N, C-alpha and C. Protein backbone atom coordinates (compact mmCIF):
# COMPACT_ATOMS: atom_id res chain seq x y z
N MET A 1 15.65 -7.56 -13.58
CA MET A 1 16.29 -7.30 -12.29
C MET A 1 15.26 -6.74 -11.31
N ALA A 2 15.15 -7.33 -10.13
CA ALA A 2 14.24 -6.83 -9.11
C ALA A 2 14.77 -5.51 -8.55
N ASN A 3 13.86 -4.66 -8.17
CA ASN A 3 14.22 -3.42 -7.51
C ASN A 3 14.18 -3.61 -6.00
N LEU A 4 14.64 -2.59 -5.28
CA LEU A 4 14.68 -2.61 -3.82
C LEU A 4 13.68 -1.58 -3.30
N ALA A 5 12.80 -1.99 -2.40
CA ALA A 5 11.81 -1.08 -1.83
C ALA A 5 11.92 -1.08 -0.31
N LEU A 6 12.30 0.05 0.24
CA LEU A 6 12.46 0.23 1.68
C LEU A 6 11.36 1.14 2.20
N PHE A 7 10.84 0.80 3.37
CA PHE A 7 9.75 1.57 3.95
C PHE A 7 10.05 1.91 5.41
N ASP A 8 9.99 3.18 5.76
CA ASP A 8 9.90 3.54 7.16
C ASP A 8 8.51 3.10 7.63
N LEU A 9 8.29 3.09 8.94
CA LEU A 9 7.01 2.60 9.45
C LEU A 9 6.13 3.71 10.02
N ASP A 10 6.58 4.31 11.11
CA ASP A 10 5.75 5.27 11.84
C ASP A 10 5.50 6.53 11.03
N HIS A 11 4.24 6.88 10.88
CA HIS A 11 3.79 8.04 10.10
C HIS A 11 4.12 7.90 8.61
N THR A 12 4.60 6.73 8.21
CA THR A 12 4.84 6.44 6.80
C THR A 12 3.86 5.39 6.32
N LEU A 13 3.96 4.18 6.87
CA LEU A 13 2.97 3.15 6.54
C LEU A 13 1.78 3.17 7.49
N ILE A 14 2.00 3.65 8.71
CA ILE A 14 0.88 3.79 9.65
C ILE A 14 0.81 5.26 10.08
N PRO A 15 -0.41 5.78 10.27
CA PRO A 15 -0.57 7.21 10.56
C PRO A 15 -0.43 7.53 12.05
N THR A 16 0.52 6.88 12.70
CA THR A 16 0.76 7.10 14.11
C THR A 16 2.19 6.68 14.41
N ASP A 17 2.65 6.91 15.62
CA ASP A 17 3.98 6.49 16.05
C ASP A 17 3.83 5.28 16.95
N SER A 18 4.22 4.10 16.47
CA SER A 18 3.97 2.87 17.22
C SER A 18 4.74 2.84 18.53
N ASP A 19 5.91 3.43 18.59
CA ASP A 19 6.71 3.47 19.81
C ASP A 19 6.04 4.34 20.87
N HIS A 20 5.66 5.54 20.47
CA HIS A 20 5.00 6.45 21.40
C HIS A 20 3.68 5.87 21.87
N GLU A 21 2.94 5.25 20.95
CA GLU A 21 1.65 4.66 21.32
C GLU A 21 1.83 3.45 22.24
N TRP A 22 2.91 2.68 22.05
CA TRP A 22 3.17 1.57 22.96
C TRP A 22 3.48 2.11 24.36
N GLY A 23 4.21 3.21 24.43
CA GLY A 23 4.46 3.83 25.73
C GLY A 23 3.16 4.23 26.42
N ARG A 24 2.26 4.83 25.67
CA ARG A 24 0.95 5.20 26.22
C ARG A 24 0.16 3.96 26.63
N PHE A 25 0.32 2.89 25.87
CA PHE A 25 -0.38 1.64 26.17
C PHE A 25 0.14 1.04 27.47
N MET A 26 1.46 1.10 27.70
CA MET A 26 2.02 0.60 28.96
C MET A 26 1.49 1.41 30.14
N VAL A 27 1.32 2.70 29.96
CA VAL A 27 0.74 3.54 31.00
C VAL A 27 -0.69 3.08 31.28
N LYS A 28 -1.44 2.83 30.22
CA LYS A 28 -2.84 2.37 30.36
C LYS A 28 -2.91 1.04 31.11
N LEU A 29 -1.97 0.13 30.82
CA LEU A 29 -1.95 -1.16 31.49
C LEU A 29 -1.51 -1.07 32.94
N GLY A 30 -0.86 0.03 33.30
CA GLY A 30 -0.39 0.21 34.67
C GLY A 30 0.91 -0.50 34.95
N ILE A 31 1.69 -0.82 33.90
CA ILE A 31 2.95 -1.54 34.11
C ILE A 31 4.15 -0.61 34.20
N VAL A 32 3.90 0.69 34.07
CA VAL A 32 4.93 1.69 34.31
C VAL A 32 4.31 2.80 35.14
N ASP A 33 5.15 3.57 35.82
CA ASP A 33 4.67 4.71 36.59
C ASP A 33 4.04 5.73 35.64
N ALA A 34 2.76 5.96 35.77
CA ALA A 34 2.01 6.70 34.77
C ALA A 34 2.56 8.10 34.53
N GLU A 35 2.67 8.89 35.56
CA GLU A 35 3.05 10.29 35.37
C GLU A 35 4.48 10.42 34.89
N ARG A 36 5.41 9.72 35.54
CA ARG A 36 6.83 9.84 35.17
C ARG A 36 7.07 9.32 33.76
N PHE A 37 6.52 8.14 33.47
CA PHE A 37 6.78 7.55 32.16
C PHE A 37 6.13 8.36 31.04
N ALA A 38 4.92 8.83 31.28
CA ALA A 38 4.22 9.60 30.25
C ALA A 38 5.01 10.86 29.90
N GLN A 39 5.53 11.54 30.92
CA GLN A 39 6.33 12.74 30.68
C GLN A 39 7.59 12.40 29.89
N GLN A 40 8.25 11.31 30.30
CA GLN A 40 9.48 10.88 29.63
C GLN A 40 9.18 10.50 28.19
N ASN A 41 8.10 9.78 27.97
CA ASN A 41 7.70 9.34 26.63
C ASN A 41 7.46 10.53 25.72
N ASP A 42 6.75 11.52 26.23
CA ASP A 42 6.45 12.72 25.44
C ASP A 42 7.71 13.51 25.14
N ARG A 43 8.64 13.55 26.10
CA ARG A 43 9.88 14.30 25.91
C ARG A 43 10.74 13.65 24.82
N PHE A 44 10.86 12.33 24.88
CA PHE A 44 11.63 11.63 23.85
C PHE A 44 11.00 11.83 22.47
N TYR A 45 9.69 11.79 22.41
CA TYR A 45 9.00 11.95 21.12
C TYR A 45 9.25 13.34 20.55
N ALA A 46 9.23 14.35 21.42
CA ALA A 46 9.52 15.72 20.98
C ALA A 46 10.96 15.83 20.50
N ASP A 47 11.89 15.16 21.19
CA ASP A 47 13.30 15.17 20.77
C ASP A 47 13.46 14.51 19.40
N TYR A 48 12.73 13.42 19.16
CA TYR A 48 12.79 12.75 17.86
C TYR A 48 12.33 13.69 16.76
N LYS A 49 11.21 14.34 16.97
CA LYS A 49 10.68 15.24 15.95
C LYS A 49 11.62 16.41 15.70
N ALA A 50 12.35 16.80 16.74
CA ALA A 50 13.29 17.91 16.61
C ALA A 50 14.64 17.47 16.05
N GLY A 51 14.84 16.15 15.92
CA GLY A 51 16.09 15.64 15.37
C GLY A 51 17.23 15.61 16.37
N VAL A 52 16.90 15.60 17.68
CA VAL A 52 17.96 15.63 18.70
C VAL A 52 17.83 14.45 19.66
N LEU A 53 17.19 13.38 19.24
CA LEU A 53 16.95 12.24 20.12
C LEU A 53 18.24 11.52 20.48
N ASP A 54 18.42 11.24 21.77
CA ASP A 54 19.48 10.35 22.25
C ASP A 54 18.92 8.94 22.11
N ILE A 55 19.25 8.26 21.03
CA ILE A 55 18.60 7.00 20.71
C ILE A 55 18.89 5.93 21.75
N HIS A 56 20.11 5.90 22.31
CA HIS A 56 20.43 4.87 23.30
C HIS A 56 19.60 5.09 24.58
N ALA A 57 19.53 6.32 25.06
CA ALA A 57 18.76 6.60 26.27
C ALA A 57 17.29 6.27 26.04
N TYR A 58 16.82 6.58 24.85
CA TYR A 58 15.42 6.30 24.54
C TYR A 58 15.15 4.80 24.53
N LEU A 59 16.02 4.04 23.89
CA LEU A 59 15.82 2.60 23.84
C LEU A 59 15.85 1.97 25.22
N VAL A 60 16.77 2.40 26.05
CA VAL A 60 16.84 1.87 27.42
C VAL A 60 15.54 2.17 28.17
N ALA A 61 15.04 3.38 28.03
CA ALA A 61 13.81 3.75 28.73
C ALA A 61 12.62 2.92 28.27
N MET A 62 12.55 2.67 26.95
CA MET A 62 11.42 1.92 26.41
C MET A 62 11.54 0.41 26.66
N LEU A 63 12.77 -0.09 26.71
CA LEU A 63 12.96 -1.53 26.82
C LEU A 63 13.03 -2.04 28.26
N THR A 64 13.42 -1.18 29.19
CA THR A 64 13.56 -1.62 30.58
C THR A 64 12.29 -2.29 31.12
N PRO A 65 11.10 -1.75 30.87
CA PRO A 65 9.90 -2.42 31.40
C PRO A 65 9.69 -3.82 30.86
N LEU A 66 10.20 -4.12 29.66
CA LEU A 66 9.98 -5.43 29.06
C LEU A 66 10.68 -6.54 29.85
N ALA A 67 11.76 -6.20 30.56
CA ALA A 67 12.53 -7.20 31.28
C ALA A 67 11.80 -7.73 32.51
N LYS A 68 10.74 -7.08 32.91
CA LYS A 68 10.02 -7.47 34.13
C LYS A 68 8.97 -8.55 33.89
N TYR A 69 8.72 -8.89 32.63
CA TYR A 69 7.61 -9.78 32.34
C TYR A 69 8.03 -10.89 31.38
N SER A 70 7.28 -11.99 31.42
CA SER A 70 7.57 -13.12 30.54
C SER A 70 7.25 -12.76 29.10
N ARG A 71 7.84 -13.49 28.18
CA ARG A 71 7.55 -13.26 26.77
C ARG A 71 6.09 -13.57 26.47
N ALA A 72 5.52 -14.56 27.15
CA ALA A 72 4.11 -14.90 26.93
C ALA A 72 3.20 -13.74 27.35
N GLN A 73 3.50 -13.14 28.50
CA GLN A 73 2.70 -12.00 28.94
C GLN A 73 2.85 -10.82 28.00
N LEU A 74 4.07 -10.56 27.58
CA LEU A 74 4.31 -9.45 26.66
C LEU A 74 3.59 -9.67 25.34
N LYS A 75 3.57 -10.92 24.86
CA LYS A 75 2.86 -11.20 23.61
C LYS A 75 1.37 -10.96 23.77
N ALA A 76 0.81 -11.37 24.90
CA ALA A 76 -0.62 -11.14 25.13
C ALA A 76 -0.93 -9.66 25.13
N TRP A 77 -0.09 -8.87 25.77
CA TRP A 77 -0.30 -7.42 25.79
C TRP A 77 -0.14 -6.84 24.38
N HIS A 78 0.85 -7.33 23.65
CA HIS A 78 1.07 -6.79 22.31
C HIS A 78 -0.09 -7.15 21.38
N ASP A 79 -0.63 -8.35 21.53
CA ASP A 79 -1.81 -8.72 20.75
C ASP A 79 -2.96 -7.75 21.02
N GLN A 80 -3.14 -7.39 22.28
CA GLN A 80 -4.18 -6.43 22.65
C GLN A 80 -3.89 -5.06 22.05
N TYR A 81 -2.63 -4.67 22.09
CA TYR A 81 -2.18 -3.39 21.51
C TYR A 81 -2.45 -3.35 20.01
N MET A 82 -2.15 -4.43 19.32
CA MET A 82 -2.41 -4.50 17.89
C MET A 82 -3.91 -4.35 17.61
N HIS A 83 -4.72 -5.04 18.39
CA HIS A 83 -6.17 -5.04 18.18
C HIS A 83 -6.78 -3.67 18.48
N GLU A 84 -6.31 -3.02 19.54
CA GLU A 84 -6.93 -1.78 19.98
C GLU A 84 -6.33 -0.54 19.33
N VAL A 85 -5.05 -0.58 19.01
CA VAL A 85 -4.35 0.64 18.60
C VAL A 85 -3.91 0.61 17.14
N ILE A 86 -3.21 -0.44 16.74
CA ILE A 86 -2.55 -0.43 15.44
C ILE A 86 -3.47 -0.82 14.29
N ARG A 87 -4.12 -1.98 14.39
CA ARG A 87 -4.94 -2.43 13.26
C ARG A 87 -6.03 -1.43 12.86
N PRO A 88 -6.70 -0.79 13.82
CA PRO A 88 -7.72 0.18 13.42
C PRO A 88 -7.14 1.40 12.69
N ALA A 89 -5.85 1.64 12.85
CA ALA A 89 -5.23 2.83 12.24
C ALA A 89 -4.71 2.58 10.84
N ILE A 90 -4.55 1.32 10.46
CA ILE A 90 -3.96 0.99 9.15
C ILE A 90 -4.96 1.33 8.03
N VAL A 91 -4.46 2.01 7.01
CA VAL A 91 -5.32 2.43 5.91
C VAL A 91 -5.05 1.58 4.67
N PRO A 92 -6.08 1.33 3.85
CA PRO A 92 -5.90 0.51 2.66
C PRO A 92 -4.82 1.02 1.71
N ALA A 93 -4.66 2.34 1.61
CA ALA A 93 -3.67 2.89 0.68
C ALA A 93 -2.26 2.45 1.03
N ALA A 94 -1.98 2.31 2.32
CA ALA A 94 -0.64 1.87 2.74
C ALA A 94 -0.43 0.40 2.41
N LEU A 95 -1.44 -0.42 2.66
CA LEU A 95 -1.35 -1.83 2.31
C LEU A 95 -1.16 -2.00 0.80
N GLU A 96 -1.86 -1.18 0.02
CA GLU A 96 -1.78 -1.26 -1.43
C GLU A 96 -0.40 -0.84 -1.93
N LEU A 97 0.20 0.16 -1.30
CA LEU A 97 1.53 0.62 -1.69
C LEU A 97 2.53 -0.53 -1.58
N VAL A 98 2.51 -1.20 -0.45
CA VAL A 98 3.44 -2.31 -0.24
C VAL A 98 3.11 -3.45 -1.20
N ARG A 99 1.82 -3.73 -1.39
CA ARG A 99 1.43 -4.82 -2.27
C ARG A 99 1.92 -4.60 -3.70
N ARG A 100 1.87 -3.37 -4.18
CA ARG A 100 2.33 -3.08 -5.54
C ARG A 100 3.80 -3.43 -5.71
N HIS A 101 4.61 -3.09 -4.71
CA HIS A 101 6.04 -3.42 -4.80
C HIS A 101 6.25 -4.92 -4.72
N LYS A 102 5.52 -5.59 -3.86
CA LYS A 102 5.65 -7.04 -3.76
C LYS A 102 5.23 -7.72 -5.06
N ASP A 103 4.12 -7.26 -5.63
CA ASP A 103 3.63 -7.85 -6.88
C ASP A 103 4.62 -7.63 -8.03
N ALA A 104 5.38 -6.54 -7.94
CA ALA A 104 6.38 -6.25 -8.97
C ALA A 104 7.65 -7.09 -8.80
N GLY A 105 7.69 -7.85 -7.71
CA GLY A 105 8.86 -8.69 -7.46
C GLY A 105 9.99 -7.97 -6.76
N ASP A 106 9.71 -6.77 -6.22
CA ASP A 106 10.75 -6.00 -5.55
C ASP A 106 11.14 -6.65 -4.22
N LEU A 107 12.39 -6.49 -3.83
CA LEU A 107 12.87 -6.91 -2.53
C LEU A 107 12.43 -5.85 -1.52
N CYS A 108 11.57 -6.24 -0.59
CA CYS A 108 10.94 -5.26 0.31
C CYS A 108 11.45 -5.41 1.73
N CYS A 109 11.57 -4.28 2.42
CA CYS A 109 12.06 -4.27 3.80
C CYS A 109 11.51 -3.05 4.53
N VAL A 110 11.06 -3.25 5.76
CA VAL A 110 10.71 -2.14 6.64
C VAL A 110 11.96 -1.78 7.43
N VAL A 111 12.33 -0.50 7.40
CA VAL A 111 13.52 -0.01 8.11
C VAL A 111 13.07 1.06 9.09
N THR A 112 13.07 0.74 10.36
CA THR A 112 12.49 1.63 11.36
C THR A 112 13.40 1.80 12.57
N ALA A 113 13.30 2.95 13.21
CA ALA A 113 14.06 3.21 14.44
C ALA A 113 13.34 2.68 15.67
N THR A 114 12.10 2.24 15.49
CA THR A 114 11.36 1.64 16.60
C THR A 114 11.85 0.21 16.80
N ASN A 115 11.80 -0.27 18.05
CA ASN A 115 12.39 -1.57 18.35
C ASN A 115 11.59 -2.74 17.76
N GLU A 116 12.28 -3.85 17.62
CA GLU A 116 11.73 -5.02 16.93
C GLU A 116 10.57 -5.66 17.68
N PHE A 117 10.53 -5.56 19.01
CA PHE A 117 9.41 -6.12 19.77
C PHE A 117 8.10 -5.46 19.34
N ILE A 118 8.11 -4.14 19.23
CA ILE A 118 6.90 -3.42 18.86
C ILE A 118 6.57 -3.64 17.39
N THR A 119 7.57 -3.59 16.53
CA THR A 119 7.30 -3.47 15.10
C THR A 119 7.18 -4.80 14.35
N GLY A 120 7.69 -5.89 14.91
CA GLY A 120 7.62 -7.16 14.21
C GLY A 120 6.21 -7.54 13.77
N PRO A 121 5.24 -7.55 14.68
CA PRO A 121 3.88 -7.90 14.29
C PRO A 121 3.25 -6.90 13.33
N ILE A 122 3.70 -5.64 13.35
CA ILE A 122 3.15 -4.64 12.43
C ILE A 122 3.66 -4.90 11.02
N ALA A 123 4.95 -5.20 10.90
CA ALA A 123 5.50 -5.54 9.59
C ALA A 123 4.81 -6.76 9.02
N ASP A 124 4.44 -7.71 9.89
CA ASP A 124 3.74 -8.91 9.44
C ASP A 124 2.40 -8.57 8.79
N VAL A 125 1.70 -7.58 9.35
CA VAL A 125 0.41 -7.17 8.79
C VAL A 125 0.57 -6.71 7.34
N PHE A 126 1.69 -6.06 7.06
CA PHE A 126 1.95 -5.56 5.71
C PHE A 126 2.55 -6.63 4.80
N GLY A 127 2.82 -7.80 5.35
CA GLY A 127 3.35 -8.88 4.55
C GLY A 127 4.79 -8.69 4.14
N VAL A 128 5.53 -7.89 4.91
CA VAL A 128 6.94 -7.64 4.62
C VAL A 128 7.77 -8.61 5.45
N ASP A 129 8.51 -9.47 4.79
CA ASP A 129 9.25 -10.52 5.49
C ASP A 129 10.47 -10.00 6.24
N LYS A 130 11.10 -8.96 5.70
CA LYS A 130 12.32 -8.46 6.31
C LYS A 130 12.05 -7.18 7.08
N LEU A 131 12.45 -7.17 8.34
CA LEU A 131 12.33 -6.00 9.21
C LEU A 131 13.71 -5.63 9.73
N ILE A 132 14.10 -4.40 9.52
CA ILE A 132 15.29 -3.85 10.16
C ILE A 132 14.79 -2.86 11.21
N ALA A 133 15.01 -3.20 12.47
CA ALA A 133 14.53 -2.39 13.59
C ALA A 133 15.60 -2.40 14.68
N CYS A 134 15.45 -1.53 15.66
CA CYS A 134 16.39 -1.56 16.78
C CYS A 134 16.23 -2.88 17.52
N GLU A 135 17.36 -3.54 17.74
CA GLU A 135 17.34 -4.90 18.27
C GLU A 135 17.28 -4.90 19.80
N VAL A 136 16.59 -5.90 20.34
CA VAL A 136 16.38 -6.02 21.78
C VAL A 136 17.19 -7.19 22.31
N GLU A 137 18.02 -6.95 23.30
CA GLU A 137 18.86 -7.99 23.87
C GLU A 137 18.03 -8.99 24.68
N THR A 138 18.37 -10.28 24.56
CA THR A 138 17.75 -11.30 25.39
C THR A 138 18.78 -11.87 26.36
N VAL A 139 18.27 -12.58 27.38
CA VAL A 139 19.12 -13.00 28.50
C VAL A 139 20.33 -13.80 28.03
N ASP A 140 20.13 -14.79 27.15
CA ASP A 140 21.24 -15.62 26.71
C ASP A 140 21.46 -15.56 25.21
N GLY A 141 20.87 -14.57 24.57
CA GLY A 141 21.02 -14.43 23.14
C GLY A 141 20.04 -15.26 22.33
N HIS A 142 19.25 -16.10 22.98
CA HIS A 142 18.26 -16.92 22.27
C HIS A 142 17.03 -16.05 21.96
N PRO A 143 16.49 -16.14 20.75
CA PRO A 143 15.40 -15.25 20.36
C PRO A 143 14.13 -15.39 21.20
N ASP A 144 13.93 -16.53 21.89
CA ASP A 144 12.72 -16.72 22.69
C ASP A 144 12.95 -16.51 24.18
N SER A 145 14.16 -16.13 24.56
CA SER A 145 14.47 -15.92 25.98
C SER A 145 13.91 -14.58 26.46
N PRO A 146 13.82 -14.40 27.78
CA PRO A 146 13.36 -13.11 28.31
C PRO A 146 14.26 -11.97 27.88
N TYR A 147 13.69 -10.78 27.80
CA TYR A 147 14.45 -9.59 27.45
C TYR A 147 15.26 -9.10 28.65
N THR A 148 16.41 -8.50 28.35
CA THR A 148 17.22 -7.92 29.43
C THR A 148 16.82 -6.48 29.72
N GLY A 149 16.10 -5.85 28.80
CA GLY A 149 15.76 -4.44 28.96
C GLY A 149 16.78 -3.52 28.33
N ARG A 150 17.72 -4.10 27.57
CA ARG A 150 18.75 -3.28 26.93
C ARG A 150 18.72 -3.48 25.42
N PRO A 151 19.14 -2.47 24.67
CA PRO A 151 19.28 -2.64 23.22
C PRO A 151 20.58 -3.35 22.89
N THR A 152 20.69 -3.82 21.67
CA THR A 152 21.92 -4.43 21.21
C THR A 152 22.11 -4.09 19.73
N GLY A 153 23.35 -4.14 19.28
CA GLY A 153 23.62 -3.87 17.87
C GLY A 153 23.55 -2.39 17.53
N THR A 154 23.68 -2.10 16.25
CA THR A 154 23.62 -0.72 15.76
C THR A 154 22.17 -0.26 15.66
N PRO A 155 21.79 0.82 16.34
CA PRO A 155 20.42 1.30 16.22
C PRO A 155 20.12 1.72 14.78
N SER A 156 18.97 1.32 14.27
CA SER A 156 18.56 1.69 12.92
C SER A 156 17.91 3.07 12.95
N TYR A 157 18.74 4.07 13.21
CA TYR A 157 18.30 5.44 13.38
C TYR A 157 19.26 6.36 12.63
N ARG A 158 18.72 7.28 11.83
CA ARG A 158 19.50 8.20 11.03
C ARG A 158 20.53 7.42 10.18
N GLU A 159 21.82 7.73 10.29
CA GLU A 159 22.82 7.04 9.48
C GLU A 159 22.87 5.54 9.79
N GLY A 160 22.42 5.16 10.97
CA GLY A 160 22.37 3.75 11.33
C GLY A 160 21.46 2.94 10.42
N LYS A 161 20.48 3.61 9.81
CA LYS A 161 19.61 2.90 8.86
C LYS A 161 20.41 2.47 7.62
N ILE A 162 21.35 3.31 7.20
CA ILE A 162 22.21 2.93 6.07
C ILE A 162 23.10 1.76 6.46
N VAL A 163 23.71 1.84 7.63
CA VAL A 163 24.60 0.78 8.10
C VAL A 163 23.87 -0.55 8.14
N ARG A 164 22.70 -0.57 8.76
CA ARG A 164 21.95 -1.82 8.92
C ARG A 164 21.44 -2.34 7.58
N THR A 165 21.00 -1.43 6.71
CA THR A 165 20.52 -1.87 5.39
C THR A 165 21.66 -2.48 4.58
N GLU A 166 22.83 -1.86 4.62
CA GLU A 166 23.96 -2.40 3.88
C GLU A 166 24.43 -3.73 4.46
N GLN A 167 24.34 -3.90 5.78
CA GLN A 167 24.68 -5.19 6.39
C GLN A 167 23.73 -6.27 5.91
N TRP A 168 22.44 -5.93 5.85
CA TRP A 168 21.44 -6.89 5.37
C TRP A 168 21.69 -7.25 3.90
N LEU A 169 21.92 -6.24 3.07
CA LEU A 169 22.18 -6.51 1.65
C LEU A 169 23.43 -7.38 1.50
N ALA A 170 24.47 -7.09 2.28
CA ALA A 170 25.69 -7.89 2.20
C ALA A 170 25.43 -9.34 2.57
N SER A 171 24.51 -9.57 3.53
CA SER A 171 24.18 -10.94 3.93
C SER A 171 23.50 -11.70 2.79
N LEU A 172 22.94 -10.95 1.84
CA LEU A 172 22.31 -11.55 0.65
C LEU A 172 23.27 -11.59 -0.53
N GLY A 173 24.49 -11.12 -0.30
CA GLY A 173 25.46 -11.05 -1.38
C GLY A 173 25.19 -9.92 -2.35
N LYS A 174 24.55 -8.86 -1.86
CA LYS A 174 24.15 -7.76 -2.73
C LYS A 174 24.67 -6.42 -2.21
N THR A 175 24.71 -5.44 -3.12
CA THR A 175 25.00 -4.05 -2.79
C THR A 175 23.96 -3.19 -3.49
N TRP A 176 24.01 -1.88 -3.26
CA TRP A 176 23.07 -0.95 -3.91
C TRP A 176 23.12 -1.10 -5.42
N SER A 177 24.30 -1.35 -5.95
CA SER A 177 24.47 -1.38 -7.41
C SER A 177 23.81 -2.59 -8.07
N ASP A 178 23.37 -3.55 -7.26
CA ASP A 178 22.69 -4.71 -7.81
C ASP A 178 21.24 -4.43 -8.18
N PHE A 179 20.76 -3.23 -7.84
CA PHE A 179 19.37 -2.87 -8.11
C PHE A 179 19.33 -1.70 -9.08
N GLU A 180 18.55 -1.86 -10.14
CA GLU A 180 18.40 -0.77 -11.09
C GLU A 180 17.77 0.45 -10.41
N ARG A 181 16.79 0.20 -9.56
CA ARG A 181 16.15 1.28 -8.82
C ARG A 181 15.98 0.86 -7.37
N SER A 182 16.18 1.80 -6.48
CA SER A 182 15.97 1.57 -5.06
C SER A 182 15.07 2.67 -4.52
N TYR A 183 14.02 2.28 -3.81
CA TYR A 183 13.04 3.22 -3.28
C TYR A 183 13.14 3.28 -1.76
N PHE A 184 12.91 4.45 -1.21
CA PHE A 184 12.74 4.57 0.24
C PHE A 184 11.62 5.55 0.51
N TYR A 185 10.63 5.09 1.26
CA TYR A 185 9.49 5.90 1.66
C TYR A 185 9.65 6.30 3.12
N SER A 186 9.62 7.59 3.42
CA SER A 186 9.73 8.03 4.80
C SER A 186 9.07 9.39 5.00
N ASP A 187 8.61 9.58 6.22
CA ASP A 187 7.97 10.85 6.60
C ASP A 187 8.92 11.81 7.30
N SER A 188 10.08 11.33 7.74
CA SER A 188 10.87 12.06 8.73
C SER A 188 12.17 12.66 8.18
N HIS A 189 12.46 13.87 8.60
CA HIS A 189 13.74 14.49 8.24
C HIS A 189 14.92 13.71 8.83
N ASN A 190 14.67 12.90 9.87
CA ASN A 190 15.73 12.07 10.41
C ASN A 190 16.21 11.03 9.40
N ASP A 191 15.40 10.77 8.39
CA ASP A 191 15.74 9.75 7.39
C ASP A 191 16.35 10.33 6.12
N ILE A 192 16.70 11.59 6.13
CA ILE A 192 17.33 12.18 4.95
C ILE A 192 18.59 11.43 4.52
N PRO A 193 19.45 10.96 5.45
CA PRO A 193 20.63 10.22 4.99
C PRO A 193 20.29 9.02 4.11
N LEU A 194 19.31 8.21 4.51
CA LEU A 194 18.95 7.06 3.70
C LEU A 194 18.17 7.48 2.45
N LEU A 195 17.35 8.50 2.56
CA LEU A 195 16.64 9.01 1.38
C LEU A 195 17.63 9.44 0.30
N GLU A 196 18.73 10.03 0.72
CA GLU A 196 19.73 10.49 -0.25
C GLU A 196 20.52 9.33 -0.86
N LYS A 197 20.44 8.16 -0.24
CA LYS A 197 21.23 7.01 -0.68
C LYS A 197 20.55 6.26 -1.83
N VAL A 198 19.21 6.32 -1.88
CA VAL A 198 18.48 5.53 -2.88
C VAL A 198 18.31 6.31 -4.18
N THR A 199 17.93 5.60 -5.25
CA THR A 199 17.70 6.28 -6.53
C THR A 199 16.37 7.01 -6.55
N ASP A 200 15.39 6.50 -5.77
CA ASP A 200 14.04 7.06 -5.77
C ASP A 200 13.58 7.38 -4.35
N PRO A 201 13.95 8.54 -3.81
CA PRO A 201 13.48 8.92 -2.49
C PRO A 201 12.04 9.45 -2.58
N ILE A 202 11.17 8.96 -1.71
CA ILE A 202 9.79 9.43 -1.70
C ILE A 202 9.46 9.94 -0.31
N ALA A 203 9.29 11.25 -0.20
CA ALA A 203 8.88 11.86 1.07
C ALA A 203 7.40 11.56 1.26
N THR A 204 7.11 10.71 2.22
CA THR A 204 5.76 10.17 2.38
C THR A 204 5.11 10.73 3.65
N ASN A 205 4.02 11.46 3.47
CA ASN A 205 3.39 12.17 4.60
C ASN A 205 4.45 12.97 5.35
N PRO A 206 5.27 13.75 4.65
CA PRO A 206 6.49 14.29 5.27
C PRO A 206 6.21 15.35 6.33
N ASP A 207 7.09 15.36 7.34
CA ASP A 207 7.05 16.46 8.31
C ASP A 207 7.48 17.73 7.58
N ALA A 208 7.31 18.86 8.23
CA ALA A 208 7.54 20.15 7.57
C ALA A 208 8.97 20.28 7.05
N THR A 209 9.92 19.82 7.85
CA THR A 209 11.33 19.93 7.45
C THR A 209 11.62 19.08 6.23
N LEU A 210 11.12 17.84 6.24
CA LEU A 210 11.36 16.97 5.09
C LEU A 210 10.60 17.45 3.86
N ARG A 211 9.40 17.96 4.03
CA ARG A 211 8.63 18.45 2.88
C ARG A 211 9.39 19.58 2.18
N ASP A 212 9.93 20.49 2.98
CA ASP A 212 10.68 21.60 2.40
C ASP A 212 11.94 21.09 1.70
N TYR A 213 12.64 20.15 2.34
CA TYR A 213 13.85 19.58 1.76
C TYR A 213 13.54 18.86 0.45
N ALA A 214 12.45 18.07 0.46
CA ALA A 214 12.07 17.31 -0.72
C ALA A 214 11.68 18.22 -1.88
N GLN A 215 10.98 19.29 -1.57
CA GLN A 215 10.58 20.22 -2.62
C GLN A 215 11.80 20.86 -3.26
N LYS A 216 12.78 21.23 -2.46
CA LYS A 216 13.99 21.85 -2.99
C LYS A 216 14.83 20.84 -3.77
N ALA A 217 14.80 19.57 -3.36
CA ALA A 217 15.60 18.54 -4.02
C ALA A 217 14.89 17.94 -5.23
N GLY A 218 13.62 18.28 -5.39
CA GLY A 218 12.86 17.72 -6.51
C GLY A 218 12.42 16.28 -6.30
N TRP A 219 12.33 15.86 -5.04
CA TRP A 219 11.90 14.51 -4.73
C TRP A 219 10.38 14.39 -4.85
N ARG A 220 9.94 13.19 -5.12
CA ARG A 220 8.50 12.92 -5.12
C ARG A 220 7.95 13.06 -3.70
N ILE A 221 6.76 13.62 -3.59
CA ILE A 221 6.07 13.73 -2.31
C ILE A 221 4.76 12.96 -2.40
N LEU A 222 4.55 12.07 -1.46
CA LEU A 222 3.37 11.22 -1.43
C LEU A 222 2.63 11.44 -0.13
N ASP A 223 1.41 11.95 -0.22
CA ASP A 223 0.57 12.12 0.97
C ASP A 223 -0.39 10.95 1.03
N LEU A 224 0.08 9.89 1.64
CA LEU A 224 -0.59 8.60 1.60
C LEU A 224 -1.89 8.58 2.39
N PHE A 225 -1.99 9.40 3.41
CA PHE A 225 -3.14 9.35 4.28
C PHE A 225 -4.19 10.41 3.97
N GLN A 226 -3.98 11.15 2.87
CA GLN A 226 -4.95 12.14 2.47
C GLN A 226 -6.16 11.45 1.85
N PRO A 227 -7.37 11.97 2.08
CA PRO A 227 -8.55 11.39 1.42
C PRO A 227 -8.41 11.46 -0.08
N SER A 228 -8.83 10.39 -0.75
CA SER A 228 -8.73 10.38 -2.22
C SER A 228 -9.83 11.21 -2.83
């Protein structure tokens, strides 16, 4: 029986926050008002770390600029973002972690609160076919149409990660009980609901709150980005 391996992305598989860094990248490109957006971006990031993020307001703020540009232009910018920001940050240990689960035949999925526009190409680098991310609305619902600047569906944030994961498993005709072991790797205390759902929660590069929680719960702690 194959096992289930779920991975958070930001500060778990990559040692940075792809959403926050994309916001900084938009400021660098000059496609958003630098001072206002930078302040807003930093405020949302602080709210996330504090566990008080208004996920809908955050998604609207991050997605609104996407509606102003063609998908071709956005892809060109994202390619540049991957080359300059994301790929240089990826560490071999993270790639190896995912590879071990894939080689074992595990069903693998990245489950992130960051939107699918930002995270799709990052999940591809790790060779993970399934991505559960906050969904971005398009003009007519077609996947290649321009973005509206609004989110759609259930945000994959906190308890929403459980909802979206269970919807995905149901689409495969599966439930949690179909897996002898289920793993979830995450750095964030915001992911405690999903960590508590799996058989093998792994606090990975955990923030202070999650590290303390994991130690008390007897969970495995993995510091993936520490020098070997």
